[in-house]
Amino acid sequence: QFLDQAEGKASTARKESEQTVLDIEDLDMIQTPESLLLSTVSGEDTQDRTDRILLTPWVKFLWESFRNILELLKNNSLMERIYTDVAKRAFKFCLEYKRRTEFHKLCDILRTHL
């Protein structure tokens, strides 16, 4: 239930981030002077900035949740089924959000738990 809520918040943040970009962009003025200056200086577009503001905290929270749950369940043989379900969900998380470094960390975590 905890992971379901965290995944729900992360997907809501992703949708909100995409919707914010769609709402911000005006058809008459596609790039404001501020966004043009920011994109020139930082090299990132509006979607990248809104993702960093809205989506990243939830993705980080979800990753920390997966790590903590796996760490708690690693030594309990009665919770082995739940452990495998959480590990599978963590792999899906890495695929969905394209998190390569977290995928490698997850592989290392699972390897050390064996």
C-alpha atoms as a PDB file:
ATOM      1  CA  GLN A   1       0.000   0.000   0.000  1.00  0.00           C
ATOM      2  CA  PHE A   2       2.867   2.369   0.836  1.00  0.00           C
ATOM      3  CA  LEU A   3       4.573   1.698  -2.499  1.00  0.00           C
ATOM      4  CA  ASP A   4       1.263   2.054  -4.348  1.00  0.00           C
ATOM      5  CA  GLN A   5       0.807   5.530  -2.912  1.00  0.00           C
ATOM      6  CA  ALA A   6       4.402   6.511  -3.710  1.00  0.00           C
ATOM      7  CA  GLU A   7       4.109   5.235  -7.293  1.00  0.00           C
ATOM      8  CA  GLY A   8       0.811   7.083  -7.654  1.00  0.00           C
ATOM      9  CA  LYS A   9       2.376  10.338  -6.502  1.00  0.00           C
ATOM     10  CA  ALA A  10       5.310   9.894  -8.897  1.00  0.00           C
ATOM     11  CA  SER A  11       3.041   9.246 -11.881  1.00  0.00           C
ATOM     12  CA  THR A  12       0.845  12.192 -10.886  1.00  0.00           C
ATOM     13  CA  ALA A  13       3.935  14.401 -10.711  1.00  0.00           C
ATOM     14  CA  ARG A  14       5.001  13.200 -14.177  1.00  0.00           C
ATOM     15  CA  LYS A  15       1.588  14.050 -15.649  1.00  0.00           C
ATOM     16  CA  GLU A  16       1.530  17.391 -13.843  1.00  0.00           C
ATOM     17  CA  SER A  17       5.002  18.209 -15.158  1.00  0.00           C
ATOM     18  CA  GLU A  18       3.951  17.455 -18.734  1.00  0.00           C
ATOM     19  CA  GLN A  19       0.713  19.416 -18.334  1.00  0.00           C
ATOM     20  CA  THR A  20       2.564  22.405 -16.873  1.00  0.00           C
ATOM     21  CA  VAL A  21       4.741  22.586 -19.965  1.00  0.00           C
ATOM     22  CA  LEU A  22       1.685  22.425 -22.216  1.00  0.00           C
ATOM     23  CA  ASP A  23      -0.070  25.141 -20.214  1.00  0.00           C
ATOM     24  CA  ILE A  24       2.955  27.453 -20.121  1.00  0.00           C
ATOM     25  CA  GLU A  25       3.669  27.528 -23.804  1.00  0.00           C
ATOM     26  CA  ASP A  26       1.735  30.264 -25.574  1.00  0.00           C
ATOM     27  CA  LEU A  27       0.961  29.888 -29.237  1.00  0.00           C
ATOM     28  CA  ASP A  28       1.769  33.518 -30.014  1.00  0.00           C
ATOM     29  CA  MET A  29       5.036  33.602 -28.123  1.00  0.00           C
ATOM     30  CA  ILE A  30       6.589  30.173 -28.095  1.00  0.00           C
ATOM     31  CA  GLN A  31       9.762  31.296 -26.337  1.00  0.00           C
ATOM     32  CA  THR A  32       9.763  34.137 -23.857  1.00  0.00           C
ATOM     33  CA  PRO A  33      12.953  36.147 -23.442  1.00  0.00           C
ATOM     34  CA  GLU A  34      13.485  34.510 -20.043  1.00  0.00           C
ATOM     35  CA  SER A  35      13.150  30.969 -21.372  1.00  0.00           C
ATOM     36  CA  LEU A  36      15.390  31.785 -24.334  1.00  0.00           C
ATOM     37  CA  LEU A  37      18.081  33.118 -22.000  1.00  0.00           C
ATOM     38  CA  LEU A  38      17.728  30.134 -19.650  1.00  0.00           C
ATOM     39  CA  SER A  39      17.935  27.626 -22.483  1.00  0.00           C
ATOM     40  CA  THR A  40      21.019  29.353 -23.875  1.00  0.00           C
ATOM     41  CA  VAL A  41      22.792  29.447 -20.531  1.00  0.00           C
ATOM     42  CA  SER A  42      21.786  26.061 -19.133  1.00  0.00           C
ATOM     43  CA  GLY A  43      21.171  24.042 -22.282  1.00  0.00           C
ATOM     44  CA  GLU A  44      17.895  22.575 -20.983  1.00  0.00           C
ATOM     45  CA  ASP A  45      14.367  23.209 -22.135  1.00  0.00           C
ATOM     46  CA  THR A  46      11.168  23.944 -20.224  1.00  0.00           C
ATOM     47  CA  GLN A  47      10.321  20.255 -19.818  1.00  0.00           C
ATOM     48  CA  ASP A  48      13.683  19.515 -18.203  1.00  0.00           C
ATOM     49  CA  ARG A  49      13.264  22.338 -15.699  1.00  0.00           C
ATOM     50  CA  THR A  50       9.722  21.372 -14.734  1.00  0.00           C
ATOM     51  CA  ASP A  51      10.753  17.721 -14.431  1.00  0.00           C
ATOM     52  CA  ARG A  52      13.552  18.727 -12.090  1.00  0.00           C
ATOM     53  CA  ILE A  53      11.175  20.789  -9.963  1.00  0.00           C
ATOM     54  CA  LEU A  54       8.076  18.575  -9.920  1.00  0.00           C
ATOM     55  CA  LEU A  55       9.116  15.040 -10.766  1.00  0.00           C
ATOM     56  CA  THR A  56      12.578  14.500  -9.306  1.00  0.00           C
ATOM     57  CA  PRO A  57      11.597  14.681  -5.607  1.00  0.00           C
ATOM     58  CA  TRP A  58       8.936  12.010  -6.076  1.00  0.00           C
ATOM     59  CA  VAL A  59      11.206   9.764  -8.125  1.00  0.00           C
ATOM     60  CA  LYS A  60      13.891  10.059  -5.456  1.00  0.00           C
ATOM     61  CA  PHE A  61      11.360   9.297  -2.725  1.00  0.00           C
ATOM     62  CA  LEU A  62      10.138   6.238  -4.616  1.00  0.00           C
ATOM     63  CA  TRP A  63      13.689   4.963  -5.125  1.00  0.00           C
ATOM     64  CA  GLU A  64      14.508   5.438  -1.432  1.00  0.00           C
ATOM     65  CA  SER A  65      11.308   3.560  -0.560  1.00  0.00           C
ATOM     66  CA  PHE A  66      12.307   0.602  -2.711  1.00  0.00           C
ATOM     67  CA  ARG A  67      15.787   0.529  -1.201  1.00  0.00           C
ATOM     68  CA  ASN A  68      14.528   0.722   2.383  1.00  0.00           C
ATOM     69  CA  ILE A  69      11.901  -1.973   1.909  1.00  0.00           C
ATOM     70  CA  LEU A  70      14.386  -4.326   0.272  1.00  0.00           C
ATOM     71  CA  GLU A  71      16.829  -3.680   3.101  1.00  0.00           C
ATOM     72  CA  LEU A  72      14.180  -4.418   5.728  1.00  0.00           C
ATOM     73  CA  LEU A  73      13.017  -7.643   4.099  1.00  0.00           C
ATOM     74  CA  LYS A  74      16.391  -9.131   3.145  1.00  0.00           C
ATOM     75  CA  ASN A  75      16.874 -11.301   6.245  1.00  0.00           C
ATOM     76  CA  ASN A  76      13.285 -12.417   6.804  1.00  0.00           C
ATOM     77  CA  SER A  77      12.625 -15.742   5.073  1.00  0.00           C
ATOM     78  CA  LEU A  78       8.883 -15.468   5.759  1.00  0.00           C
ATOM     79  CA  MET A  79       8.739 -12.313   3.637  1.00  0.00           C
ATOM     80  CA  GLU A  80      10.556 -13.786   0.656  1.00  0.00           C
ATOM     81  CA  ARG A  81       7.510 -13.506  -1.631  1.00  0.00           C
ATOM     82  CA  ILE A  82       7.021  -9.828  -0.769  1.00  0.00           C
ATOM     83  CA  TYR A  83      10.754  -9.246  -1.285  1.00  0.00           C
ATOM     84  CA  THR A  84      10.567 -10.639  -4.831  1.00  0.00           C
ATOM     85  CA  ASP A  85       7.464  -8.567  -5.609  1.00  0.00           C
ATOM     86  CA  VAL A  86       9.187  -5.395  -4.414  1.00  0.00           C
ATOM     87  CA  ALA A  87      12.311  -6.255  -6.417  1.00  0.00           C
ATOM     88  CA  LYS A  88      10.209  -6.731  -9.558  1.00  0.00           C
ATOM     89  CA  ARG A  89       8.459  -3.408  -8.966  1.00  0.00           C
ATOM     90  CA  ALA A  90      11.842  -1.739  -8.505  1.00  0.00           C
ATOM     91  CA  PHE A  91      12.963  -3.109 -11.877  1.00  0.00           C
ATOM     92  CA  LYS A  92       9.773  -1.765 -13.479  1.00  0.00           C
ATOM     93  CA  PHE A  93      10.460   1.601 -11.846  1.00  0.00           C
ATOM     94  CA  CYS A  94      13.927   1.691 -13.406  1.00  0.00           C
ATOM     95  CA  LEU A  95      12.489   0.915 -16.830  1.00  0.00           C
ATOM     96  CA  GLU A  96       9.585   3.349 -16.603  1.00  0.00           C
ATOM     97  CA  TYR A  97      11.651   6.334 -15.483  1.00  0.00           C
ATOM     98  CA  LYS A  98      14.778   5.343 -17.468  1.00  0.00           C
ATOM     99  CA  ARG A  99      16.989   5.234 -14.357  1.00  0.00           C
ATOM    100  CA  ARG A 100      20.199   3.489 -15.392  1.00  0.00           C
ATOM    101  CA  THR A 101      22.234   4.302 -12.305  1.00  0.00           C
ATOM    102  CA  GLU A 102      19.452   3.131  -9.999  1.00  0.00           C
ATOM    103  CA  PHE A 103      19.208  -0.058 -12.069  1.00  0.00           C
ATOM    104  CA  HIS A 104      22.892  -0.753 -11.458  1.00  0.00           C
ATOM    105  CA  LYS A 105      22.498   0.050  -7.760  1.00  0.00           C
ATOM    106  CA  LEU A 106      19.488  -2.258  -7.570  1.00  0.00           C
ATOM    107  CA  CYS A 107      21.492  -5.069  -9.149  1.00  0.00           C
ATOM    108  CA  ASP A 108      24.270  -4.496  -6.605  1.00  0.00           C
ATOM    109  CA  ILE A 109      21.774  -4.469  -3.726  1.00  0.00           C
ATOM    110  CA  LEU A 110      20.193  -7.725  -4.846  1.00  0.00           C
ATOM    111  CA  ARG A 111      23.588  -9.302  -5.418  1.00  0.00           C
ATOM    112  CA  THR A 112      24.745  -8.477  -1.882  1.00  0.00           C
ATOM    113  CA  HIS A 113      21.481  -9.806  -0.412  1.00  0.00           C
ATOM    114  CA  LEU A 114      22.018 -13.256  -1.959  1.00  0.00           C
END
